[in-house]
Amino acid sequence: TVDAPKPVKDMKISWNKSDSTYTAKWSTTEHVVLYSSKKKINIPGSMVPMEDITSWMTEIKPIMEYPDGVRFALPDGAVQYIYPVIKRGKVGIRGTETLVANLKPFRDVECTLSNKDCIITMGWPNDAVEAKLVISNDSDASAEIKTIRYEEYMEDKEIRIPMGKARKKCINIFAIYMLSNQMRPSRGIAIEVNSGDSRKVRYNMKKER
């Protein structure tokens, strides 16, 4: 007879911007082990022999463990299904999986100014279908969203952003991928663009006590 706890169905996984790791959290007090697979595995029932789990999936070694979760890392470019498993002897209680996509961002992003336009060039990662740019300037809290498809970028090998009257623009660039019929973004690359306008200030100084 196996003392079967309830499977984990409320796992939440978040990305940690500071070090590009992930944190998984759940509400159970049972000890949970995470397993990963590159594809979704259809397993009937929640009680699965550990022999099957270890043959189909790879155990994730946590960087840090918490009472209600773990912190872990995934290789760059990985797309993984993460399964929470509670071990009970020779069987594991499989919980609800979560898709985690550590998608490659744009590389070698360069920005130059030409006739009041910001010219952006970058290395386009494999399999990315679009570039999403979120553009804001120093005088307006609202943001403009610009989407460029791969085919459009390859025509000119650049993206042109008019500066207008803005002295500075902040641009966040995301690589967009199509995964399981859903558009998913990579982590963003942020750049600041200054218009290059400057003014000379003439002043006098005098020494006083």
N, C-alpha and C. Protein backbone atom coordinates (compact mmCIF):
# COMPACT_ATOMS: atom_id res chain seq x y z
N THR A 1 0.84 -1.19 0.00
CA THR A 1 0.00 0.00 0.00
C THR A 1 0.88 1.24 0.00
N VAL A 2 0.57 2.20 -0.90
CA VAL A 2 1.35 3.41 -1.00
C VAL A 2 0.56 4.57 -0.41
N ASP A 3 1.23 5.33 0.45
CA ASP A 3 0.63 6.55 1.00
C ASP A 3 0.75 7.62 -0.06
N ALA A 4 -0.31 7.82 -0.83
CA ALA A 4 -0.25 8.70 -1.99
C ALA A 4 -0.73 10.10 -1.65
N PRO A 5 0.18 11.08 -1.65
CA PRO A 5 -0.24 12.47 -1.45
C PRO A 5 -0.91 13.01 -2.71
N LYS A 6 -1.55 14.16 -2.58
CA LYS A 6 -2.17 14.78 -3.74
C LYS A 6 -1.09 15.32 -4.68
N PRO A 7 -1.27 15.15 -5.99
CA PRO A 7 -0.27 15.67 -6.93
C PRO A 7 -0.23 17.20 -6.91
N VAL A 8 0.91 17.75 -7.26
CA VAL A 8 1.07 19.21 -7.32
C VAL A 8 0.37 19.74 -8.57
N LYS A 9 -0.65 20.55 -8.36
CA LYS A 9 -1.39 21.12 -9.49
C LYS A 9 -1.33 22.64 -9.53
N ASP A 10 -0.60 23.25 -8.60
CA ASP A 10 -0.57 24.71 -8.53
C ASP A 10 0.85 25.27 -8.68
N MET A 11 1.73 24.52 -9.36
CA MET A 11 3.11 25.00 -9.52
C MET A 11 3.15 26.26 -10.38
N LYS A 12 3.88 27.27 -9.92
CA LYS A 12 4.10 28.50 -10.65
C LYS A 12 5.61 28.67 -10.84
N ILE A 13 6.03 28.96 -12.07
CA ILE A 13 7.45 29.13 -12.37
C ILE A 13 7.67 30.54 -12.88
N SER A 14 8.64 31.24 -12.28
CA SER A 14 8.96 32.61 -12.68
C SER A 14 10.44 32.71 -13.03
N TRP A 15 10.75 33.66 -13.92
CA TRP A 15 12.13 33.88 -14.35
C TRP A 15 12.76 34.95 -13.48
N ASN A 16 14.00 34.73 -13.04
CA ASN A 16 14.72 35.68 -12.22
C ASN A 16 15.65 36.51 -13.10
N LYS A 17 15.33 37.78 -13.24
CA LYS A 17 16.08 38.67 -14.14
C LYS A 17 17.53 38.84 -13.70
N SER A 18 17.78 38.81 -12.38
CA SER A 18 19.12 39.11 -11.86
C SER A 18 20.17 38.11 -12.32
N ASP A 19 19.81 36.83 -12.42
CA ASP A 19 20.80 35.81 -12.80
C ASP A 19 20.29 34.82 -13.84
N SER A 20 19.12 35.11 -14.44
CA SER A 20 18.54 34.28 -15.51
C SER A 20 18.23 32.86 -15.06
N THR A 21 17.96 32.67 -13.76
CA THR A 21 17.50 31.37 -13.28
C THR A 21 15.98 31.38 -13.18
N TYR A 22 15.41 30.26 -12.70
CA TYR A 22 13.97 30.14 -12.55
C TYR A 22 13.64 29.72 -11.12
N THR A 23 12.48 30.17 -10.64
CA THR A 23 12.00 29.77 -9.32
C THR A 23 10.64 29.10 -9.49
N ALA A 24 10.53 27.88 -8.97
CA ALA A 24 9.26 27.15 -8.98
C ALA A 24 8.69 27.16 -7.56
N LYS A 25 7.39 27.45 -7.44
CA LYS A 25 6.72 27.50 -6.14
C LYS A 25 5.47 26.63 -6.17
N TRP A 26 5.11 26.06 -5.01
CA TRP A 26 3.90 25.26 -4.87
C TRP A 26 3.42 25.36 -3.42
N SER A 27 2.22 24.85 -3.16
CA SER A 27 1.62 25.00 -1.83
C SER A 27 1.81 23.76 -0.95
N THR A 28 2.16 22.61 -1.54
CA THR A 28 2.28 21.39 -0.74
C THR A 28 3.50 21.45 0.19
N THR A 29 3.41 20.74 1.30
CA THR A 29 4.55 20.63 2.22
C THR A 29 5.38 19.38 1.94
N GLU A 30 4.95 18.58 0.95
CA GLU A 30 5.70 17.39 0.57
C GLU A 30 6.99 17.79 -0.16
N HIS A 31 7.99 16.90 -0.14
CA HIS A 31 9.22 17.15 -0.88
C HIS A 31 8.97 16.87 -2.36
N VAL A 32 9.19 17.90 -3.20
CA VAL A 32 8.90 17.82 -4.62
C VAL A 32 10.21 17.82 -5.40
N VAL A 33 10.32 16.93 -6.37
CA VAL A 33 11.48 16.87 -7.26
C VAL A 33 11.01 17.23 -8.66
N LEU A 34 11.76 18.11 -9.34
CA LEU A 34 11.40 18.52 -10.69
C LEU A 34 12.11 17.66 -11.74
N TYR A 35 11.36 17.31 -12.78
CA TYR A 35 11.91 16.59 -13.94
C TYR A 35 11.57 17.39 -15.19
N SER A 36 12.42 17.28 -16.20
CA SER A 36 12.20 18.04 -17.43
C SER A 36 12.19 17.10 -18.64
N SER A 37 11.46 17.53 -19.67
CA SER A 37 11.41 16.80 -20.93
C SER A 37 11.26 17.81 -22.06
N LYS A 38 11.89 17.53 -23.21
CA LYS A 38 11.79 18.44 -24.35
C LYS A 38 10.43 18.36 -25.03
N LYS A 39 9.68 17.34 -24.75
CA LYS A 39 8.34 17.24 -25.32
C LYS A 39 7.35 16.83 -24.23
N LYS A 40 6.09 17.17 -24.46
CA LYS A 40 5.05 16.82 -23.50
C LYS A 40 4.78 15.33 -23.56
N ILE A 41 4.78 14.70 -22.39
CA ILE A 41 4.59 13.25 -22.31
C ILE A 41 3.18 12.97 -21.78
N ASN A 42 2.42 12.23 -22.55
CA ASN A 42 1.06 11.88 -22.14
C ASN A 42 1.10 10.63 -21.27
N ILE A 43 0.92 10.83 -19.98
CA ILE A 43 0.99 9.74 -19.01
C ILE A 43 -0.38 9.58 -18.37
N PRO A 44 -1.01 8.41 -18.50
CA PRO A 44 -2.32 8.21 -17.87
C PRO A 44 -2.18 8.09 -16.35
N GLY A 45 -3.04 8.80 -15.64
CA GLY A 45 -3.01 8.75 -14.18
C GLY A 45 -1.87 9.58 -13.60
N SER A 46 -1.91 9.77 -12.30
CA SER A 46 -0.89 10.59 -11.64
C SER A 46 0.17 9.73 -10.96
N MET A 47 -0.08 8.45 -10.73
CA MET A 47 0.88 7.58 -10.06
C MET A 47 1.67 6.81 -11.13
N VAL A 48 2.96 7.10 -11.24
CA VAL A 48 3.78 6.57 -12.33
C VAL A 48 5.02 5.88 -11.73
N PRO A 49 5.39 4.71 -12.25
CA PRO A 49 6.62 4.06 -11.76
C PRO A 49 7.83 5.00 -11.96
N MET A 50 8.67 5.11 -10.94
CA MET A 50 9.85 5.97 -11.04
C MET A 50 10.77 5.51 -12.16
N GLU A 51 10.76 4.23 -12.46
CA GLU A 51 11.58 3.71 -13.56
C GLU A 51 11.17 4.35 -14.88
N ASP A 52 9.85 4.55 -15.08
CA ASP A 52 9.37 5.20 -16.30
C ASP A 52 9.73 6.68 -16.29
N ILE A 53 9.56 7.34 -15.15
CA ILE A 53 9.85 8.77 -15.06
C ILE A 53 11.31 9.05 -15.40
N THR A 54 12.22 8.26 -14.83
CA THR A 54 13.65 8.50 -15.05
C THR A 54 14.08 8.12 -16.48
N SER A 55 13.32 7.27 -17.15
CA SER A 55 13.67 6.92 -18.53
C SER A 55 13.13 7.94 -19.52
N TRP A 56 12.02 8.61 -19.18
CA TRP A 56 11.41 9.57 -20.09
C TRP A 56 11.89 11.00 -19.83
N MET A 57 12.30 11.30 -18.60
CA MET A 57 12.61 12.67 -18.22
C MET A 57 13.98 12.75 -17.56
N THR A 58 14.43 13.99 -17.37
CA THR A 58 15.72 14.26 -16.72
C THR A 58 15.48 15.01 -15.43
N GLU A 59 16.07 14.52 -14.35
CA GLU A 59 15.89 15.20 -13.06
C GLU A 59 16.65 16.52 -13.07
N ILE A 60 16.00 17.56 -12.54
CA ILE A 60 16.61 18.89 -12.43
C ILE A 60 17.28 19.01 -11.06
N LYS A 61 18.57 19.31 -11.07
CA LYS A 61 19.29 19.53 -9.82
C LYS A 61 19.10 20.98 -9.39
N PRO A 62 18.44 21.24 -8.27
CA PRO A 62 18.16 22.62 -7.87
C PRO A 62 19.41 23.36 -7.42
N ILE A 63 19.42 24.67 -7.68
CA ILE A 63 20.48 25.54 -7.18
C ILE A 63 20.24 25.84 -5.71
N MET A 64 18.96 26.03 -5.36
CA MET A 64 18.59 26.31 -3.98
C MET A 64 17.21 25.73 -3.73
N GLU A 65 17.00 25.20 -2.52
CA GLU A 65 15.70 24.63 -2.15
C GLU A 65 15.06 25.48 -1.06
N TYR A 66 13.74 25.63 -1.16
CA TYR A 66 12.95 26.37 -0.18
C TYR A 66 11.88 25.43 0.38
N PRO A 67 11.24 25.81 1.49
CA PRO A 67 10.15 24.95 2.02
C PRO A 67 9.01 24.76 1.02
N ASP A 68 8.81 25.73 0.13
CA ASP A 68 7.69 25.65 -0.82
C ASP A 68 8.13 25.79 -2.27
N GLY A 69 9.40 25.44 -2.56
CA GLY A 69 9.84 25.56 -3.94
C GLY A 69 11.33 25.36 -4.12
N VAL A 70 11.82 25.61 -5.33
CA VAL A 70 13.24 25.48 -5.64
C VAL A 70 13.62 26.56 -6.66
N ARG A 71 14.92 26.85 -6.72
CA ARG A 71 15.47 27.70 -7.78
C ARG A 71 16.36 26.82 -8.64
N PHE A 72 16.24 26.97 -9.97
CA PHE A 72 16.99 26.09 -10.87
C PHE A 72 17.37 26.86 -12.13
N ALA A 73 18.21 26.25 -12.96
CA ALA A 73 18.67 26.88 -14.20
C ALA A 73 18.35 25.98 -15.39
N LEU A 74 18.21 26.60 -16.56
CA LEU A 74 18.04 25.88 -17.81
C LEU A 74 19.05 26.42 -18.82
N PRO A 75 19.54 25.58 -19.73
CA PRO A 75 20.48 26.07 -20.75
C PRO A 75 19.81 27.08 -21.67
N ASP A 76 20.61 28.01 -22.20
CA ASP A 76 20.10 29.04 -23.11
C ASP A 76 19.49 28.39 -24.34
N GLY A 77 18.31 28.84 -24.70
CA GLY A 77 17.63 28.30 -25.87
C GLY A 77 16.77 27.07 -25.59
N ALA A 78 16.71 26.64 -24.33
CA ALA A 78 15.97 25.42 -24.01
C ALA A 78 14.46 25.68 -23.97
N VAL A 79 13.71 24.70 -24.47
CA VAL A 79 12.26 24.69 -24.34
C VAL A 79 11.90 23.38 -23.66
N GLN A 80 11.43 23.47 -22.43
CA GLN A 80 11.26 22.27 -21.61
C GLN A 80 9.88 22.24 -20.96
N TYR A 81 9.36 21.03 -20.82
CA TYR A 81 8.19 20.81 -19.97
C TYR A 81 8.71 20.38 -18.60
N ILE A 82 8.29 21.09 -17.56
CA ILE A 82 8.76 20.83 -16.20
C ILE A 82 7.65 20.10 -15.43
N TYR A 83 8.00 18.92 -14.90
CA TYR A 83 7.04 18.09 -14.17
C TYR A 83 7.40 18.05 -12.69
N PRO A 84 6.45 18.40 -11.79
CA PRO A 84 6.70 18.22 -10.36
C PRO A 84 6.33 16.80 -9.94
N VAL A 85 7.24 16.14 -9.24
CA VAL A 85 7.02 14.74 -8.85
C VAL A 85 7.29 14.58 -7.36
N ILE A 86 6.37 13.90 -6.67
CA ILE A 86 6.56 13.53 -5.27
C ILE A 86 6.89 12.04 -5.23
N LYS A 87 8.06 11.70 -4.76
CA LYS A 87 8.50 10.31 -4.76
C LYS A 87 7.89 9.55 -3.58
N ARG A 88 7.44 8.34 -3.88
CA ARG A 88 6.95 7.41 -2.85
C ARG A 88 7.46 6.02 -3.21
N GLY A 89 8.64 5.68 -2.69
CA GLY A 89 9.21 4.38 -2.99
C GLY A 89 9.52 4.24 -4.47
N LYS A 90 8.92 3.22 -5.09
CA LYS A 90 9.18 2.95 -6.50
C LYS A 90 8.23 3.67 -7.44
N VAL A 91 7.35 4.52 -6.89
CA VAL A 91 6.43 5.27 -7.73
C VAL A 91 6.58 6.76 -7.46
N GLY A 92 6.14 7.55 -8.42
CA GLY A 92 6.14 9.00 -8.26
C GLY A 92 4.76 9.55 -8.53
N ILE A 93 4.36 10.54 -7.74
CA ILE A 93 3.07 11.19 -7.92
C ILE A 93 3.32 12.40 -8.82
N ARG A 94 2.91 12.27 -10.08
CA ARG A 94 3.18 13.30 -11.09
C ARG A 94 2.15 14.41 -11.01
N GLY A 95 2.64 15.66 -10.95
CA GLY A 95 1.75 16.81 -10.93
C GLY A 95 1.56 17.41 -12.32
N THR A 96 0.95 18.59 -12.37
CA THR A 96 0.66 19.26 -13.64
C THR A 96 1.94 19.93 -14.17
N GLU A 97 2.25 19.65 -15.42
CA GLU A 97 3.48 20.17 -16.01
C GLU A 97 3.32 21.64 -16.40
N THR A 98 4.47 22.32 -16.56
CA THR A 98 4.52 23.72 -17.00
C THR A 98 5.56 23.85 -18.11
N LEU A 99 5.18 24.52 -19.19
CA LEU A 99 6.12 24.76 -20.28
C LEU A 99 6.99 25.97 -19.94
N VAL A 100 8.31 25.78 -19.98
CA VAL A 100 9.25 26.87 -19.74
C VAL A 100 10.12 27.02 -20.98
N ALA A 101 10.14 28.21 -21.53
CA ALA A 101 10.90 28.46 -22.76
C ALA A 101 11.98 29.51 -22.46
N ASN A 102 13.21 29.05 -22.30
CA ASN A 102 14.35 29.96 -22.12
C ASN A 102 14.87 30.33 -23.51
N LEU A 103 14.12 31.19 -24.17
CA LEU A 103 14.35 31.46 -25.59
C LEU A 103 15.49 32.45 -25.78
N LYS A 104 16.25 32.25 -26.86
CA LYS A 104 17.42 33.09 -27.12
C LYS A 104 16.97 34.50 -27.50
N PRO A 105 17.54 35.51 -26.85
CA PRO A 105 17.24 36.89 -27.25
C PRO A 105 18.10 37.29 -28.44
N PHE A 106 17.89 38.50 -28.93
CA PHE A 106 18.74 39.01 -30.00
C PHE A 106 20.16 39.24 -29.48
N ARG A 107 21.14 39.01 -30.35
CA ARG A 107 22.54 39.18 -29.99
C ARG A 107 23.15 40.32 -30.82
N ASP A 108 24.27 40.84 -30.34
CA ASP A 108 25.05 41.85 -31.07
C ASP A 108 24.16 43.00 -31.54
N VAL A 109 23.34 43.51 -30.64
CA VAL A 109 22.46 44.64 -30.98
C VAL A 109 23.29 45.92 -31.04
N GLU A 110 23.22 46.62 -32.17
CA GLU A 110 23.95 47.87 -32.35
C GLU A 110 22.98 48.96 -32.80
N CYS A 111 23.27 50.18 -32.34
CA CYS A 111 22.38 51.30 -32.64
C CYS A 111 23.21 52.49 -33.11
N THR A 112 22.81 53.11 -34.21
CA THR A 112 23.47 54.31 -34.71
C THR A 112 22.40 55.33 -35.09
N LEU A 113 22.80 56.61 -35.17
CA LEU A 113 21.87 57.68 -35.55
C LEU A 113 22.20 58.16 -36.96
N SER A 114 21.13 58.35 -37.76
CA SER A 114 21.31 58.84 -39.13
C SER A 114 20.11 59.69 -39.50
N ASN A 115 20.35 61.02 -39.69
CA ASN A 115 19.28 61.94 -40.09
C ASN A 115 18.05 61.83 -39.18
N LYS A 116 18.31 61.94 -37.88
CA LYS A 116 17.23 61.91 -36.88
C LYS A 116 16.52 60.56 -36.79
N ASP A 117 17.10 59.52 -37.38
CA ASP A 117 16.55 58.17 -37.26
C ASP A 117 17.52 57.30 -36.46
N CYS A 118 16.95 56.41 -35.64
CA CYS A 118 17.75 55.42 -34.93
C CYS A 118 17.80 54.16 -35.79
N ILE A 119 18.99 53.72 -36.16
CA ILE A 119 19.17 52.54 -37.00
C ILE A 119 19.65 51.39 -36.12
N ILE A 120 18.86 50.32 -36.04
CA ILE A 120 19.17 49.17 -35.19
C ILE A 120 19.51 47.97 -36.07
N THR A 121 20.65 47.36 -35.80
CA THR A 121 21.02 46.09 -36.43
C THR A 121 21.28 45.07 -35.34
N MET A 122 21.08 43.79 -35.65
CA MET A 122 21.24 42.77 -34.62
C MET A 122 21.37 41.39 -35.25
N GLY A 123 21.92 40.47 -34.45
CA GLY A 123 21.98 39.08 -34.87
C GLY A 123 20.67 38.38 -34.58
N TRP A 124 20.05 37.82 -35.63
CA TRP A 124 18.72 37.22 -35.50
C TRP A 124 18.87 35.75 -35.12
N PRO A 125 18.34 35.32 -33.96
CA PRO A 125 18.49 33.92 -33.55
C PRO A 125 17.67 32.98 -34.42
N ASN A 126 18.13 31.75 -34.52
CA ASN A 126 17.40 30.74 -35.30
C ASN A 126 16.00 30.54 -34.73
N ASP A 127 15.05 30.34 -35.62
CA ASP A 127 13.66 30.02 -35.29
C ASP A 127 12.84 31.20 -34.79
N ALA A 128 13.44 32.36 -34.55
CA ALA A 128 12.65 33.53 -34.16
C ALA A 128 11.90 34.04 -35.38
N VAL A 129 10.60 34.31 -35.23
CA VAL A 129 9.79 34.70 -36.38
C VAL A 129 9.54 36.20 -36.44
N GLU A 130 9.66 36.88 -35.29
CA GLU A 130 9.40 38.32 -35.26
C GLU A 130 10.32 39.00 -34.26
N ALA A 131 10.43 40.31 -34.42
CA ALA A 131 11.05 41.17 -33.40
C ALA A 131 9.95 42.10 -32.89
N LYS A 132 9.82 42.18 -31.59
CA LYS A 132 8.85 43.11 -30.98
C LYS A 132 9.62 44.20 -30.27
N LEU A 133 9.37 45.46 -30.63
CA LEU A 133 10.04 46.60 -30.03
C LEU A 133 9.04 47.42 -29.23
N VAL A 134 9.33 47.65 -27.97
CA VAL A 134 8.51 48.51 -27.12
C VAL A 134 9.29 49.81 -26.93
N ILE A 135 8.76 50.91 -27.48
CA ILE A 135 9.50 52.16 -27.59
C ILE A 135 8.82 53.24 -26.75
N SER A 136 9.58 53.86 -25.86
CA SER A 136 9.07 54.98 -25.07
C SER A 136 10.12 56.08 -25.08
N ASN A 137 9.68 57.34 -24.86
CA ASN A 137 10.64 58.43 -24.81
C ASN A 137 10.58 59.13 -23.47
N ASP A 138 11.48 60.08 -23.26
CA ASP A 138 11.64 60.69 -21.95
C ASP A 138 10.51 61.63 -21.57
N SER A 139 9.67 62.01 -22.51
CA SER A 139 8.61 62.98 -22.19
C SER A 139 7.22 62.37 -22.23
N ASP A 140 7.12 61.09 -22.51
CA ASP A 140 5.81 60.44 -22.66
C ASP A 140 5.87 59.08 -22.00
N ALA A 141 4.96 58.85 -21.05
CA ALA A 141 4.97 57.57 -20.33
C ALA A 141 4.40 56.43 -21.17
N SER A 142 3.59 56.75 -22.20
CA SER A 142 3.02 55.70 -23.03
C SER A 142 4.10 55.12 -23.94
N ALA A 143 3.87 53.92 -24.41
CA ALA A 143 4.86 53.22 -25.23
C ALA A 143 4.26 52.84 -26.58
N GLU A 144 5.10 52.91 -27.60
CA GLU A 144 4.73 52.46 -28.94
C GLU A 144 5.27 51.05 -29.13
N ILE A 145 4.46 50.18 -29.72
CA ILE A 145 4.88 48.80 -29.98
C ILE A 145 5.03 48.61 -31.48
N LYS A 146 6.20 48.16 -31.88
CA LYS A 146 6.50 47.95 -33.30
C LYS A 146 6.88 46.49 -33.49
N THR A 147 6.29 45.84 -34.49
CA THR A 147 6.57 44.43 -34.77
C THR A 147 7.18 44.30 -36.17
N ILE A 148 8.31 43.60 -36.25
CA ILE A 148 9.01 43.39 -37.51
C ILE A 148 9.16 41.89 -37.74
N ARG A 149 8.65 41.41 -38.86
CA ARG A 149 8.82 40.00 -39.19
C ARG A 149 10.23 39.75 -39.73
N TYR A 150 10.66 38.51 -39.62
CA TYR A 150 12.01 38.14 -40.06
C TYR A 150 12.24 38.52 -41.52
N GLU A 151 11.24 38.24 -42.37
CA GLU A 151 11.39 38.53 -43.80
C GLU A 151 11.54 40.04 -44.04
N GLU A 152 10.82 40.84 -43.26
CA GLU A 152 10.92 42.29 -43.40
C GLU A 152 12.30 42.78 -42.99
N TYR A 153 12.81 42.23 -41.90
CA TYR A 153 14.13 42.65 -41.44
C TYR A 153 15.21 42.30 -42.47
N MET A 154 15.11 41.13 -43.07
CA MET A 154 16.14 40.67 -43.99
C MET A 154 16.19 41.48 -45.28
N GLU A 155 15.12 42.22 -45.60
CA GLU A 155 15.13 43.05 -46.80
C GLU A 155 16.15 44.18 -46.69
N ASP A 156 16.18 44.86 -45.52
CA ASP A 156 17.09 46.00 -45.34
C ASP A 156 18.21 45.71 -44.34
N LYS A 157 18.09 44.58 -43.63
CA LYS A 157 19.07 44.21 -42.59
C LYS A 157 19.18 45.27 -41.51
N GLU A 158 18.08 45.99 -41.25
CA GLU A 158 18.07 47.02 -40.21
C GLU A 158 16.65 47.37 -39.85
N ILE A 159 16.50 48.00 -38.69
CA ILE A 159 15.21 48.54 -38.25
C ILE A 159 15.42 50.04 -38.04
N ARG A 160 14.53 50.85 -38.61
CA ARG A 160 14.67 52.31 -38.54
C ARG A 160 13.58 52.87 -37.62
N ILE A 161 14.01 53.59 -36.57
CA ILE A 161 13.08 54.20 -35.62
C ILE A 161 13.24 55.72 -35.69
N PRO A 162 12.22 56.46 -36.14
CA PRO A 162 12.33 57.93 -36.16
C PRO A 162 12.40 58.48 -34.73
N MET A 163 13.35 59.37 -34.47
CA MET A 163 13.49 59.98 -33.14
C MET A 163 12.48 61.11 -32.94
N GLY A 164 12.04 61.76 -34.05
CA GLY A 164 11.12 62.88 -33.90
C GLY A 164 11.76 63.99 -33.09
N LYS A 165 11.01 64.55 -32.15
CA LYS A 165 11.52 65.62 -31.29
C LYS A 165 12.06 65.09 -29.96
N ALA A 166 12.02 63.77 -29.79
CA ALA A 166 12.47 63.20 -28.51
C ALA A 166 13.98 63.28 -28.40
N ARG A 167 14.46 63.70 -27.23
CA ARG A 167 15.91 63.73 -26.99
C ARG A 167 16.44 62.34 -26.67
N LYS A 168 15.57 61.50 -26.08
CA LYS A 168 16.01 60.16 -25.71
C LYS A 168 14.85 59.19 -25.90
N LYS A 169 15.18 57.98 -26.36
CA LYS A 169 14.18 56.92 -26.44
C LYS A 169 14.73 55.67 -25.77
N CYS A 170 13.84 54.97 -25.08
CA CYS A 170 14.18 53.68 -24.46
C CYS A 170 13.48 52.59 -25.27
N ILE A 171 14.26 51.63 -25.74
CA ILE A 171 13.74 50.59 -26.61
C ILE A 171 14.02 49.22 -26.00
N ASN A 172 12.98 48.43 -25.77
CA ASN A 172 13.11 47.04 -25.34
C ASN A 172 12.80 46.15 -26.53
N ILE A 173 13.72 45.23 -26.84
CA ILE A 173 13.60 44.39 -28.02
C ILE A 173 13.44 42.93 -27.59
N PHE A 174 12.38 42.27 -28.09
CA PHE A 174 12.10 40.88 -27.76
C PHE A 174 12.10 40.04 -29.04
N ALA A 175 12.73 38.88 -28.98
CA ALA A 175 12.63 37.91 -30.07
C ALA A 175 11.38 37.07 -29.84
N ILE A 176 10.55 36.94 -30.86
CA ILE A 176 9.28 36.22 -30.74
C ILE A 176 9.38 34.88 -31.46
N TYR A 177 8.96 33.82 -30.78
CA TYR A 177 9.00 32.46 -31.33
C TYR A 177 7.58 31.89 -31.38
N MET A 178 7.37 30.98 -32.32
CA MET A 178 6.11 30.25 -32.40
C MET A 178 6.31 28.87 -31.78
N LEU A 179 5.66 28.64 -30.62
CA LEU A 179 5.78 27.37 -29.92
C LEU A 179 4.39 26.84 -29.59
N SER A 180 4.12 25.62 -30.02
CA SER A 180 2.82 24.98 -29.76
C SER A 180 1.68 25.91 -30.16
N ASN A 181 1.82 26.52 -31.36
CA ASN A 181 0.81 27.41 -31.92
C ASN A 181 0.58 28.66 -31.09
N GLN A 182 1.56 29.04 -30.27
CA GLN A 182 1.48 30.27 -29.50
C GLN A 182 2.74 31.10 -29.71
N MET A 183 2.57 32.41 -29.77
CA MET A 183 3.71 33.31 -29.90
C MET A 183 4.29 33.57 -28.51
N ARG A 184 5.59 33.28 -28.34
CA ARG A 184 6.22 33.43 -27.04
C ARG A 184 7.47 34.32 -27.17
N PRO A 185 7.63 35.29 -26.25
CA PRO A 185 8.78 36.20 -26.35
C PRO A 185 9.98 35.69 -25.56
N SER A 186 11.17 36.08 -26.03
CA SER A 186 12.39 35.87 -25.26
C SER A 186 12.47 36.96 -24.19
N ARG A 187 13.48 36.90 -23.35
CA ARG A 187 13.72 38.02 -22.43
C ARG A 187 14.16 39.22 -23.26
N GLY A 188 13.91 40.40 -22.74
CA GLY A 188 14.15 41.62 -23.51
C GLY A 188 15.58 42.13 -23.45
N ILE A 189 15.98 42.82 -24.51
CA ILE A 189 17.24 43.55 -24.55
C ILE A 189 16.88 45.03 -24.55
N ALA A 190 17.36 45.78 -23.54
CA ALA A 190 17.02 47.19 -23.41
C ALA A 190 18.17 48.07 -23.88
N ILE A 191 17.84 49.08 -24.69
CA ILE A 191 18.83 50.05 -25.13
C ILE A 191 18.26 51.45 -24.96
N GLU A 192 19.14 52.43 -24.72
CA GLU A 192 18.75 53.84 -24.66
C GLU A 192 19.40 54.57 -25.83
N VAL A 193 18.61 55.39 -26.50
CA VAL A 193 19.11 56.13 -27.67
C VAL A 193 18.96 57.62 -27.40
N ASN A 194 20.06 58.36 -27.50
CA ASN A 194 20.03 59.81 -27.36
C ASN A 194 20.06 60.44 -28.74
N SER A 195 19.31 61.52 -28.91
CA SER A 195 19.18 62.16 -30.22
C SER A 195 20.48 62.78 -30.69
N GLY A 196 21.39 63.09 -29.76
CA GLY A 196 22.65 63.71 -30.13
C GLY A 196 22.60 65.22 -30.10
N ASP A 197 21.40 65.80 -29.87
CA ASP A 197 21.30 67.26 -29.77
C ASP A 197 22.00 67.74 -28.51
N SER A 198 22.72 68.83 -28.62
CA SER A 198 23.39 69.40 -27.44
C SER A 198 23.41 70.91 -27.57
N ARG A 199 23.56 71.58 -26.44
CA ARG A 199 23.62 73.03 -26.42
C ARG A 199 24.85 73.45 -25.62
N LYS A 200 25.54 74.51 -26.09
CA LYS A 200 26.65 75.05 -25.34
C LYS A 200 26.12 76.05 -24.32
N VAL A 201 26.62 75.96 -23.11
CA VAL A 201 26.22 76.87 -22.05
C VAL A 201 27.43 77.71 -21.68
N ARG A 202 27.30 79.06 -21.77
CA ARG A 202 28.38 79.95 -21.43
C ARG A 202 28.11 80.56 -20.05
N TYR A 203 29.09 80.52 -19.16
CA TYR A 203 28.88 81.04 -17.82
C TYR A 203 30.18 81.64 -17.30
N ASN A 204 30.05 82.49 -16.28
CA ASN A 204 31.20 83.10 -15.59
C ASN A 204 31.21 82.64 -14.15
N MET A 205 32.42 82.56 -13.58
CA MET A 205 32.56 82.19 -12.18
C MET A 205 33.37 83.26 -11.47
N LYS A 206 33.06 83.47 -10.22
CA LYS A 206 33.86 84.37 -9.40
C LYS A 206 34.03 83.75 -8.03
N LYS A 207 35.15 84.06 -7.40
CA LYS A 207 35.50 83.47 -6.11
C LYS A 207 34.98 84.34 -4.99
N GLU A 208 34.24 83.75 -4.08
CA GLU A 208 33.71 84.46 -2.91
C GLU A 208 33.97 83.64 -1.68
N ARG A 209 33.98 84.36 -0.54
CA ARG A 209 34.12 83.65 0.72
C ARG A 209 32.84 82.92 1.04
